[in-house]
Each structure stands twice: as C-alpha cells, then as structure tokens.
Amino acid sequence: MKIFIGSDHAGFGLKEKLKPFLVSLGHTVEDKGANEYNEGDDYPNFIIPVAREVSLHPNDVRGIILGGSGQGEAMAANKFRNVRAAVYYGQGEYVVKDESESIIRLSRLHNNSNILSIGARFVTEEDAEKAVKVWLETEFLTDPKYQRRIDKMERIHE
C-alpha cells in the first residue's frame, strides 16, 4: 500500500524512524515533509499535502501525520472530503473491553480511518510502530451501518 507521511518539527524525529519501518512492512512511502528539522515550521504545510493525497484516493492510499499532540494535525486533515483522521497519542492501547477493541483497531473497523495522526510527544517509537502496524492490518467492517455513518459524514461536504 502507498503511505503518505508528513510531520512538523515536533514529530520529525519519529517520522524519520517510521519511514524505514513502513518500508520493512512492504509499503511504499512518500514523504510530504518536513525534510529537515525546523523548530519554527507550521504543521499545516506538511499535513495538508498528505490529506490532499488521501482525499483524492481515499480507498487506495493511507496517510500518517505526526505532530506534538496529533490533535491539530487531525483537525487540519479532517477538513478534506473523504478523509477520516484518527488520533493516537499513546497511553497503551486504550483498551475498551479487550485488546481486540483498542482505539486504533476501532478507528479502522467502525470508521474506516484512512489517516493516523500521532502525537509524537506522547508515544515511544515502539508504541508508534505497534499502533501503525495494527492500524494498517485492520480492515474496515462491511456491516452496512458503518458505511451508512461514513456516508452521512461525507454529506457534510455537499
């Protein structure tokens, strides 16, 4: 799968570590920046290009965006049609009932998230890799109720 990735200064180091990890899983990675650490950069400069690509190909590609908390990054990404960005900022797997219903897994199963926004200041490299792997391996459920809900969200853009 093709993965677009982007980050500001706060997530730059983790982004650079995730790229070879994604390749090791068999994915193609296109980095939308930042291409160097710059403490004064602004996350929209790097998140918008990732979100634009996912918006154009919502079922064929995925995006991973990183920032300090992942919150602003997800907000920017979710402005785009067909984008469903979910935030992950560590604290384990956010277990709901058991490991099979973690927040990361549920963001894919029920909401077909196509961008994962990672709060780099709150996760270890190991946690981020685990979350990314689970997120990439989890398929959207085919139950019509989940697609109906996504369709309702998409009508907001009409």
N, C-alpha and C. Protein backbone atom coordinates (compact mmCIF):
# COMPACT_ATOMS: atom_id res chain seq x y z
N MET A 1 0.84 -1.17 0.00
CA MET A 1 0.00 0.00 0.00
C MET A 1 0.89 1.24 0.00
N LYS A 2 0.41 2.28 -0.63
CA LYS A 2 1.14 3.54 -0.62
C LYS A 2 0.72 4.34 0.61
N ILE A 3 1.72 4.81 1.35
CA ILE A 3 1.51 5.58 2.56
C ILE A 3 2.13 6.96 2.36
N PHE A 4 1.33 8.00 2.54
CA PHE A 4 1.84 9.37 2.55
C PHE A 4 2.10 9.74 4.00
N ILE A 5 3.22 10.38 4.26
CA ILE A 5 3.58 10.72 5.63
C ILE A 5 4.03 12.17 5.68
N GLY A 6 3.68 12.85 6.76
CA GLY A 6 4.09 14.24 6.93
C GLY A 6 4.11 14.62 8.39
N SER A 7 5.00 15.57 8.71
CA SER A 7 5.15 15.99 10.09
C SER A 7 5.81 17.35 10.18
N ASP A 8 5.48 18.06 11.24
CA ASP A 8 6.22 19.28 11.56
C ASP A 8 7.42 18.91 12.42
N HIS A 9 8.05 19.93 13.00
CA HIS A 9 9.25 19.71 13.81
C HIS A 9 9.01 18.77 15.00
N ALA A 10 7.83 18.84 15.61
CA ALA A 10 7.56 18.05 16.81
C ALA A 10 7.55 16.55 16.53
N GLY A 11 7.16 16.18 15.35
CA GLY A 11 7.11 14.76 15.00
C GLY A 11 8.20 14.33 14.04
N PHE A 12 9.07 15.27 13.67
CA PHE A 12 10.08 14.98 12.64
C PHE A 12 10.93 13.76 12.95
N GLY A 13 11.47 13.66 14.15
CA GLY A 13 12.33 12.53 14.51
C GLY A 13 11.60 11.20 14.41
N LEU A 14 10.36 11.15 14.92
CA LEU A 14 9.59 9.92 14.87
C LEU A 14 9.22 9.58 13.42
N LYS A 15 8.89 10.58 12.64
CA LYS A 15 8.58 10.35 11.21
C LYS A 15 9.75 9.67 10.52
N GLU A 16 10.94 10.17 10.77
CA GLU A 16 12.13 9.61 10.13
C GLU A 16 12.37 8.17 10.54
N LYS A 17 11.96 7.79 11.75
CA LYS A 17 12.10 6.42 12.22
C LYS A 17 10.98 5.52 11.66
N LEU A 18 9.80 6.08 11.45
CA LEU A 18 8.68 5.29 10.94
C LEU A 18 8.82 4.95 9.46
N LYS A 19 9.49 5.80 8.70
CA LYS A 19 9.61 5.54 7.25
C LYS A 19 10.26 4.19 6.96
N PRO A 20 11.44 3.88 7.51
CA PRO A 20 12.01 2.55 7.22
C PRO A 20 11.18 1.40 7.81
N PHE A 21 10.50 1.65 8.92
CA PHE A 21 9.62 0.63 9.49
C PHE A 21 8.50 0.31 8.51
N LEU A 22 7.88 1.32 7.92
CA LEU A 22 6.80 1.11 6.95
C LEU A 22 7.31 0.35 5.73
N VAL A 23 8.47 0.72 5.25
CA VAL A 23 9.07 0.01 4.11
C VAL A 23 9.32 -1.44 4.47
N SER A 24 9.78 -1.71 5.70
CA SER A 24 10.04 -3.09 6.13
C SER A 24 8.76 -3.92 6.16
N LEU A 25 7.61 -3.25 6.29
CA LEU A 25 6.32 -3.95 6.27
C LEU A 25 5.81 -4.15 4.84
N GLY A 26 6.56 -3.64 3.86
CA GLY A 26 6.18 -3.84 2.46
C GLY A 26 5.43 -2.69 1.83
N HIS A 27 5.38 -1.55 2.49
CA HIS A 27 4.64 -0.41 1.97
C HIS A 27 5.56 0.55 1.21
N THR A 28 4.97 1.31 0.31
CA THR A 28 5.66 2.39 -0.38
C THR A 28 5.37 3.66 0.40
N VAL A 29 6.39 4.45 0.66
CA VAL A 29 6.24 5.65 1.48
C VAL A 29 6.60 6.88 0.66
N GLU A 30 5.71 7.87 0.69
CA GLU A 30 6.02 9.18 0.08
C GLU A 30 5.97 10.23 1.18
N ASP A 31 7.10 10.84 1.43
CA ASP A 31 7.25 11.84 2.49
C ASP A 31 6.89 13.21 1.95
N LYS A 32 5.91 13.85 2.58
CA LYS A 32 5.47 15.18 2.19
C LYS A 32 6.12 16.27 3.04
N GLY A 33 7.13 15.90 3.82
CA GLY A 33 7.85 16.88 4.64
C GLY A 33 7.41 16.81 6.09
N ALA A 34 8.10 17.49 6.88
CA ALA A 34 9.27 18.33 6.68
C ALA A 34 10.46 17.46 6.30
N ASN A 35 11.35 18.06 5.53
CA ASN A 35 12.53 17.36 5.08
C ASN A 35 13.74 17.62 5.96
N GLU A 36 13.59 18.54 6.89
CA GLU A 36 14.64 18.83 7.87
C GLU A 36 13.98 19.41 9.11
N TYR A 37 14.68 19.30 10.23
CA TYR A 37 14.15 19.83 11.48
C TYR A 37 14.22 21.36 11.46
N ASN A 38 13.07 21.99 11.71
CA ASN A 38 12.99 23.44 11.79
C ASN A 38 11.96 23.77 12.87
N GLU A 39 12.43 24.20 14.02
CA GLU A 39 11.56 24.44 15.16
C GLU A 39 10.45 25.46 14.86
N GLY A 40 10.64 26.30 13.88
CA GLY A 40 9.65 27.33 13.58
C GLY A 40 8.66 26.97 12.49
N ASP A 41 8.68 25.72 12.02
CA ASP A 41 7.76 25.38 10.93
C ASP A 41 6.33 25.23 11.44
N ASP A 42 5.38 25.15 10.53
CA ASP A 42 3.95 25.05 10.84
C ASP A 42 3.38 23.76 10.27
N TYR A 43 2.69 22.99 11.12
CA TYR A 43 2.20 21.67 10.70
C TYR A 43 1.30 21.69 9.47
N PRO A 44 0.46 22.71 9.23
CA PRO A 44 -0.38 22.65 8.03
C PRO A 44 0.41 22.52 6.73
N ASN A 45 1.63 23.04 6.71
CA ASN A 45 2.45 22.96 5.50
C ASN A 45 2.74 21.52 5.09
N PHE A 46 2.72 20.60 6.04
CA PHE A 46 3.08 19.21 5.76
C PHE A 46 1.89 18.27 5.86
N ILE A 47 0.89 18.68 6.62
CA ILE A 47 -0.30 17.84 6.80
C ILE A 47 -1.25 17.99 5.61
N ILE A 48 -1.42 19.19 5.13
CA ILE A 48 -2.34 19.43 4.01
C ILE A 48 -1.96 18.61 2.77
N PRO A 49 -0.68 18.53 2.38
CA PRO A 49 -0.36 17.68 1.23
C PRO A 49 -0.69 16.20 1.44
N VAL A 50 -0.51 15.69 2.65
CA VAL A 50 -0.88 14.30 2.94
C VAL A 50 -2.40 14.15 2.82
N ALA A 51 -3.14 15.04 3.45
CA ALA A 51 -4.61 14.96 3.44
C ALA A 51 -5.15 15.09 2.01
N ARG A 52 -4.54 15.94 1.21
CA ARG A 52 -4.99 16.12 -0.17
C ARG A 52 -4.84 14.80 -0.95
N GLU A 53 -3.72 14.13 -0.78
CA GLU A 53 -3.50 12.85 -1.48
C GLU A 53 -4.52 11.80 -1.03
N VAL A 54 -4.75 11.71 0.27
CA VAL A 54 -5.71 10.73 0.78
C VAL A 54 -7.12 11.10 0.32
N SER A 55 -7.44 12.37 0.28
CA SER A 55 -8.75 12.82 -0.17
C SER A 55 -9.02 12.41 -1.62
N LEU A 56 -8.00 12.46 -2.44
CA LEU A 56 -8.14 12.10 -3.85
C LEU A 56 -8.24 10.59 -4.07
N HIS A 57 -7.67 9.80 -3.15
CA HIS A 57 -7.62 8.34 -3.30
C HIS A 57 -7.96 7.67 -1.96
N PRO A 58 -9.14 7.93 -1.40
CA PRO A 58 -9.43 7.53 -0.02
C PRO A 58 -9.42 6.03 0.25
N ASN A 59 -9.60 5.22 -0.76
CA ASN A 59 -9.64 3.77 -0.55
C ASN A 59 -8.38 3.06 -1.03
N ASP A 60 -7.48 3.81 -1.62
CA ASP A 60 -6.30 3.20 -2.23
C ASP A 60 -4.99 3.53 -1.52
N VAL A 61 -4.98 4.58 -0.73
CA VAL A 61 -3.77 5.00 -0.02
C VAL A 61 -4.14 5.29 1.43
N ARG A 62 -3.12 5.46 2.25
CA ARG A 62 -3.33 5.88 3.63
C ARG A 62 -2.33 6.98 3.95
N GLY A 63 -2.61 7.69 5.02
CA GLY A 63 -1.72 8.75 5.46
C GLY A 63 -1.36 8.60 6.92
N ILE A 64 -0.16 8.99 7.25
CA ILE A 64 0.28 9.06 8.64
C ILE A 64 0.84 10.46 8.84
N ILE A 65 0.29 11.16 9.83
CA ILE A 65 0.71 12.52 10.11
C ILE A 65 1.14 12.59 11.57
N LEU A 66 2.13 13.41 11.84
CA LEU A 66 2.68 13.49 13.19
C LEU A 66 2.85 14.94 13.59
N GLY A 67 2.62 15.18 14.87
CA GLY A 67 2.86 16.49 15.45
C GLY A 67 3.03 16.30 16.95
N GLY A 68 3.06 17.39 17.68
CA GLY A 68 3.24 17.30 19.12
C GLY A 68 2.16 16.46 19.78
N SER A 69 0.90 16.84 19.57
CA SER A 69 -0.21 16.09 20.16
C SER A 69 -0.98 15.26 19.14
N GLY A 70 -0.85 15.59 17.87
CA GLY A 70 -1.63 14.93 16.83
C GLY A 70 -3.00 15.54 16.65
N GLN A 71 -3.42 16.38 17.59
CA GLN A 71 -4.78 16.94 17.55
C GLN A 71 -4.96 17.96 16.42
N GLY A 72 -4.10 18.98 16.39
CA GLY A 72 -4.22 19.99 15.33
C GLY A 72 -4.03 19.39 13.96
N GLU A 73 -3.13 18.43 13.88
CA GLU A 73 -2.87 17.75 12.61
C GLU A 73 -4.13 17.04 12.11
N ALA A 74 -4.82 16.33 13.01
CA ALA A 74 -6.05 15.65 12.64
C ALA A 74 -7.13 16.64 12.25
N MET A 75 -7.21 17.75 12.97
CA MET A 75 -8.21 18.77 12.64
C MET A 75 -7.98 19.31 11.23
N ALA A 76 -6.73 19.57 10.88
CA ALA A 76 -6.42 20.06 9.54
C ALA A 76 -6.77 19.01 8.49
N ALA A 77 -6.38 17.78 8.73
CA ALA A 77 -6.63 16.71 7.76
C ALA A 77 -8.12 16.48 7.56
N ASN A 78 -8.89 16.53 8.64
CA ASN A 78 -10.32 16.25 8.55
C ASN A 78 -11.12 17.33 7.84
N LYS A 79 -10.49 18.41 7.44
CA LYS A 79 -11.16 19.43 6.63
C LYS A 79 -11.40 18.94 5.21
N PHE A 80 -10.69 17.90 4.80
CA PHE A 80 -10.76 17.42 3.43
C PHE A 80 -11.83 16.36 3.26
N ARG A 81 -12.51 16.41 2.13
CA ARG A 81 -13.50 15.40 1.75
C ARG A 81 -12.82 14.04 1.72
N ASN A 82 -13.53 13.03 2.16
CA ASN A 82 -13.09 11.64 2.15
C ASN A 82 -12.00 11.31 3.16
N VAL A 83 -11.60 12.25 3.98
CA VAL A 83 -10.56 11.99 4.97
C VAL A 83 -11.19 11.71 6.32
N ARG A 84 -10.70 10.67 6.96
CA ARG A 84 -11.13 10.31 8.31
C ARG A 84 -9.87 10.06 9.13
N ALA A 85 -9.39 11.12 9.76
CA ALA A 85 -8.16 11.04 10.55
C ALA A 85 -8.49 10.73 12.00
N ALA A 86 -7.81 9.73 12.53
CA ALA A 86 -7.96 9.33 13.93
C ALA A 86 -6.67 9.65 14.66
N VAL A 87 -6.80 10.09 15.92
CA VAL A 87 -5.64 10.49 16.71
C VAL A 87 -5.20 9.36 17.63
N TYR A 88 -3.88 9.17 17.69
CA TYR A 88 -3.28 8.24 18.64
C TYR A 88 -2.18 8.97 19.39
N TYR A 89 -2.27 8.97 20.70
CA TYR A 89 -1.22 9.61 21.48
C TYR A 89 -0.83 8.75 22.67
N GLY A 90 -0.72 7.47 22.39
CA GLY A 90 -0.12 6.56 23.35
C GLY A 90 -1.02 6.15 24.48
N GLN A 91 -0.41 6.05 25.65
CA GLN A 91 -1.10 5.57 26.85
C GLN A 91 -1.56 4.14 26.64
N GLY A 92 -0.71 3.32 26.04
CA GLY A 92 -1.07 1.93 25.77
C GLY A 92 -2.02 1.84 24.60
N GLU A 93 -2.88 0.89 24.63
CA GLU A 93 -3.78 0.62 23.51
C GLU A 93 -5.18 1.22 23.71
N TYR A 94 -5.40 1.95 24.79
CA TYR A 94 -6.75 2.46 25.08
C TYR A 94 -7.77 1.35 25.00
N VAL A 95 -7.58 0.34 25.80
CA VAL A 95 -8.43 -0.83 25.76
C VAL A 95 -9.85 -0.47 26.20
N VAL A 96 -10.81 -0.85 25.39
CA VAL A 96 -12.22 -0.63 25.70
C VAL A 96 -12.74 -1.83 26.49
N LYS A 97 -12.75 -3.00 25.87
CA LYS A 97 -13.18 -4.23 26.53
C LYS A 97 -12.02 -5.21 26.61
N ASP A 98 -11.35 -5.35 25.52
CA ASP A 98 -10.17 -6.22 25.47
C ASP A 98 -9.29 -5.70 24.34
N GLU A 99 -8.16 -6.33 24.17
CA GLU A 99 -7.18 -5.87 23.18
C GLU A 99 -7.77 -5.77 21.77
N SER A 100 -8.75 -6.60 21.45
CA SER A 100 -9.32 -6.59 20.11
C SER A 100 -10.16 -5.35 19.84
N GLU A 101 -10.45 -4.56 20.85
CA GLU A 101 -11.26 -3.36 20.64
C GLU A 101 -10.49 -2.10 21.04
N SER A 102 -9.21 -2.06 20.73
CA SER A 102 -8.43 -0.87 21.02
C SER A 102 -8.90 0.29 20.15
N ILE A 103 -8.58 1.48 20.57
CA ILE A 103 -8.96 2.67 19.82
C ILE A 103 -8.43 2.62 18.39
N ILE A 104 -7.19 2.20 18.24
CA ILE A 104 -6.60 2.11 16.91
C ILE A 104 -7.40 1.14 16.05
N ARG A 105 -7.69 0.00 16.58
CA ARG A 105 -8.44 -1.01 15.83
C ARG A 105 -9.85 -0.51 15.50
N LEU A 106 -10.51 0.08 16.47
CA LEU A 106 -11.87 0.56 16.25
C LEU A 106 -11.93 1.70 15.23
N SER A 107 -10.87 2.51 15.17
CA SER A 107 -10.86 3.60 14.18
C SER A 107 -10.90 3.05 12.76
N ARG A 108 -10.38 1.86 12.57
CA ARG A 108 -10.43 1.19 11.26
C ARG A 108 -11.71 0.38 11.11
N LEU A 109 -12.02 -0.47 12.10
CA LEU A 109 -13.17 -1.36 11.99
C LEU A 109 -14.47 -0.61 11.77
N HIS A 110 -14.71 0.42 12.55
CA HIS A 110 -16.01 1.10 12.53
C HIS A 110 -16.02 2.38 11.70
N ASN A 111 -14.88 3.04 11.58
CA ASN A 111 -14.86 4.37 10.94
C ASN A 111 -14.02 4.44 9.68
N ASN A 112 -13.38 3.34 9.32
CA ASN A 112 -12.56 3.29 8.12
C ASN A 112 -11.57 4.45 8.06
N SER A 113 -10.91 4.73 9.18
CA SER A 113 -9.95 5.83 9.20
C SER A 113 -8.88 5.57 8.14
N ASN A 114 -8.52 6.64 7.44
CA ASN A 114 -7.52 6.50 6.39
C ASN A 114 -6.29 7.38 6.64
N ILE A 115 -6.33 8.12 7.73
CA ILE A 115 -5.15 8.85 8.20
C ILE A 115 -5.02 8.59 9.69
N LEU A 116 -3.79 8.27 10.09
CA LEU A 116 -3.48 8.10 11.51
C LEU A 116 -2.65 9.30 11.94
N SER A 117 -3.15 10.04 12.90
CA SER A 117 -2.46 11.22 13.42
C SER A 117 -1.83 10.85 14.76
N ILE A 118 -0.52 10.96 14.83
CA ILE A 118 0.21 10.52 16.01
C ILE A 118 0.75 11.70 16.80
N GLY A 119 0.46 11.71 18.08
CA GLY A 119 1.01 12.72 18.99
C GLY A 119 2.40 12.29 19.41
N ALA A 120 3.39 12.79 18.70
CA ALA A 120 4.77 12.31 18.87
C ALA A 120 5.36 12.60 20.25
N ARG A 121 4.85 13.61 20.93
CA ARG A 121 5.37 13.92 22.27
C ARG A 121 4.85 12.97 23.34
N PHE A 122 3.94 12.09 22.98
CA PHE A 122 3.30 11.22 23.94
C PHE A 122 3.53 9.73 23.70
N VAL A 123 4.28 9.38 22.66
CA VAL A 123 4.48 7.97 22.34
C VAL A 123 5.96 7.65 22.20
N THR A 124 6.28 6.43 22.47
CA THR A 124 7.62 5.94 22.18
C THR A 124 7.65 5.45 20.74
N GLU A 125 8.82 5.26 20.23
CA GLU A 125 8.96 4.70 18.89
C GLU A 125 8.29 3.33 18.82
N GLU A 126 8.49 2.52 19.85
CA GLU A 126 7.90 1.18 19.89
C GLU A 126 6.38 1.24 19.90
N ASP A 127 5.79 2.14 20.70
CA ASP A 127 4.33 2.30 20.73
C ASP A 127 3.80 2.75 19.37
N ALA A 128 4.50 3.69 18.75
CA ALA A 128 4.07 4.19 17.45
C ALA A 128 4.11 3.08 16.41
N GLU A 129 5.17 2.28 16.41
CA GLU A 129 5.27 1.19 15.45
C GLU A 129 4.16 0.17 15.65
N LYS A 130 3.88 -0.16 16.91
CA LYS A 130 2.81 -1.12 17.21
C LYS A 130 1.46 -0.58 16.73
N ALA A 131 1.19 0.69 17.03
CA ALA A 131 -0.07 1.30 16.63
C ALA A 131 -0.21 1.34 15.12
N VAL A 132 0.84 1.73 14.44
CA VAL A 132 0.82 1.81 12.97
C VAL A 132 0.57 0.43 12.37
N LYS A 133 1.23 -0.57 12.89
CA LYS A 133 1.06 -1.94 12.37
C LYS A 133 -0.37 -2.42 12.56
N VAL A 134 -0.92 -2.22 13.75
CA VAL A 134 -2.32 -2.62 14.00
C VAL A 134 -3.25 -1.85 13.06
N TRP A 135 -3.04 -0.57 12.93
CA TRP A 135 -3.89 0.28 12.09
C TRP A 135 -3.85 -0.16 10.63
N LEU A 136 -2.66 -0.47 10.13
CA LEU A 136 -2.53 -0.88 8.74
C LEU A 136 -3.10 -2.27 8.48
N GLU A 137 -3.06 -3.13 9.46
CA GLU A 137 -3.53 -4.51 9.28
C GLU A 137 -5.02 -4.68 9.52
N THR A 138 -5.66 -3.71 10.13
CA THR A 138 -7.09 -3.83 10.46
C THR A 138 -7.94 -3.36 9.29
N GLU A 139 -8.85 -4.21 8.88
CA GLU A 139 -9.74 -3.90 7.76
C GLU A 139 -11.06 -3.31 8.27
N PHE A 140 -11.65 -2.45 7.48
CA PHE A 140 -12.96 -1.88 7.75
C PHE A 140 -14.02 -2.98 7.71
N LEU A 141 -14.94 -2.97 8.65
CA LEU A 141 -16.03 -3.94 8.67
C LEU A 141 -17.02 -3.64 7.55
N THR A 142 -17.60 -4.67 7.00
CA THR A 142 -18.53 -4.49 5.88
C THR A 142 -19.97 -4.29 6.33
N ASP A 143 -20.22 -4.24 7.61
CA ASP A 143 -21.58 -4.03 8.13
C ASP A 143 -22.12 -2.71 7.56
N PRO A 144 -23.30 -2.74 6.95
CA PRO A 144 -23.86 -1.54 6.32
C PRO A 144 -24.01 -0.34 7.27
N LYS A 145 -24.20 -0.59 8.56
CA LYS A 145 -24.40 0.54 9.47
C LYS A 145 -23.16 1.42 9.54
N TYR A 146 -21.96 0.83 9.42
CA TYR A 146 -20.74 1.63 9.49
C TYR A 146 -20.57 2.47 8.22
N GLN A 147 -20.87 1.89 7.07
CA GLN A 147 -20.78 2.65 5.83
C GLN A 147 -21.84 3.75 5.80
N ARG A 148 -23.03 3.47 6.32
CA ARG A 148 -24.09 4.47 6.38
C ARG A 148 -23.64 5.68 7.18
N ARG A 149 -22.97 5.44 8.28
CA ARG A 149 -22.48 6.54 9.13
C ARG A 149 -21.41 7.36 8.42
N ILE A 150 -20.51 6.68 7.73
CA ILE A 150 -19.48 7.40 6.97
C ILE A 150 -20.12 8.22 5.86
N ASP A 151 -21.10 7.66 5.18
CA ASP A 151 -21.80 8.39 4.12
C ASP A 151 -22.46 9.66 4.66
N LYS A 152 -23.02 9.58 5.85
CA LYS A 152 -23.65 10.76 6.46
C LYS A 152 -22.62 11.83 6.73
N MET A 153 -21.43 11.44 7.18
CA MET A 153 -20.37 12.42 7.42
C MET A 153 -19.93 13.06 6.11
N GLU A 154 -19.84 12.28 5.07
CA GLU A 154 -19.40 12.83 3.77
C GLU A 154 -20.40 13.83 3.21
N ARG A 155 -21.67 13.67 3.53
CA ARG A 155 -22.67 14.62 3.04
C ARG A 155 -22.51 16.01 3.64
N ILE A 156 -21.74 16.12 4.70
CA ILE A 156 -21.46 17.44 5.28
C ILE A 156 -20.78 18.34 4.25
N HIS A 157 -19.99 17.74 3.37
CA HIS A 157 -19.25 18.49 2.36
C HIS A 157 -20.09 18.89 1.16
N GLU A 158 -21.33 18.42 1.09
CA GLU A 158 -22.18 18.70 -0.09
C GLU A 158 -22.76 20.09 -0.01
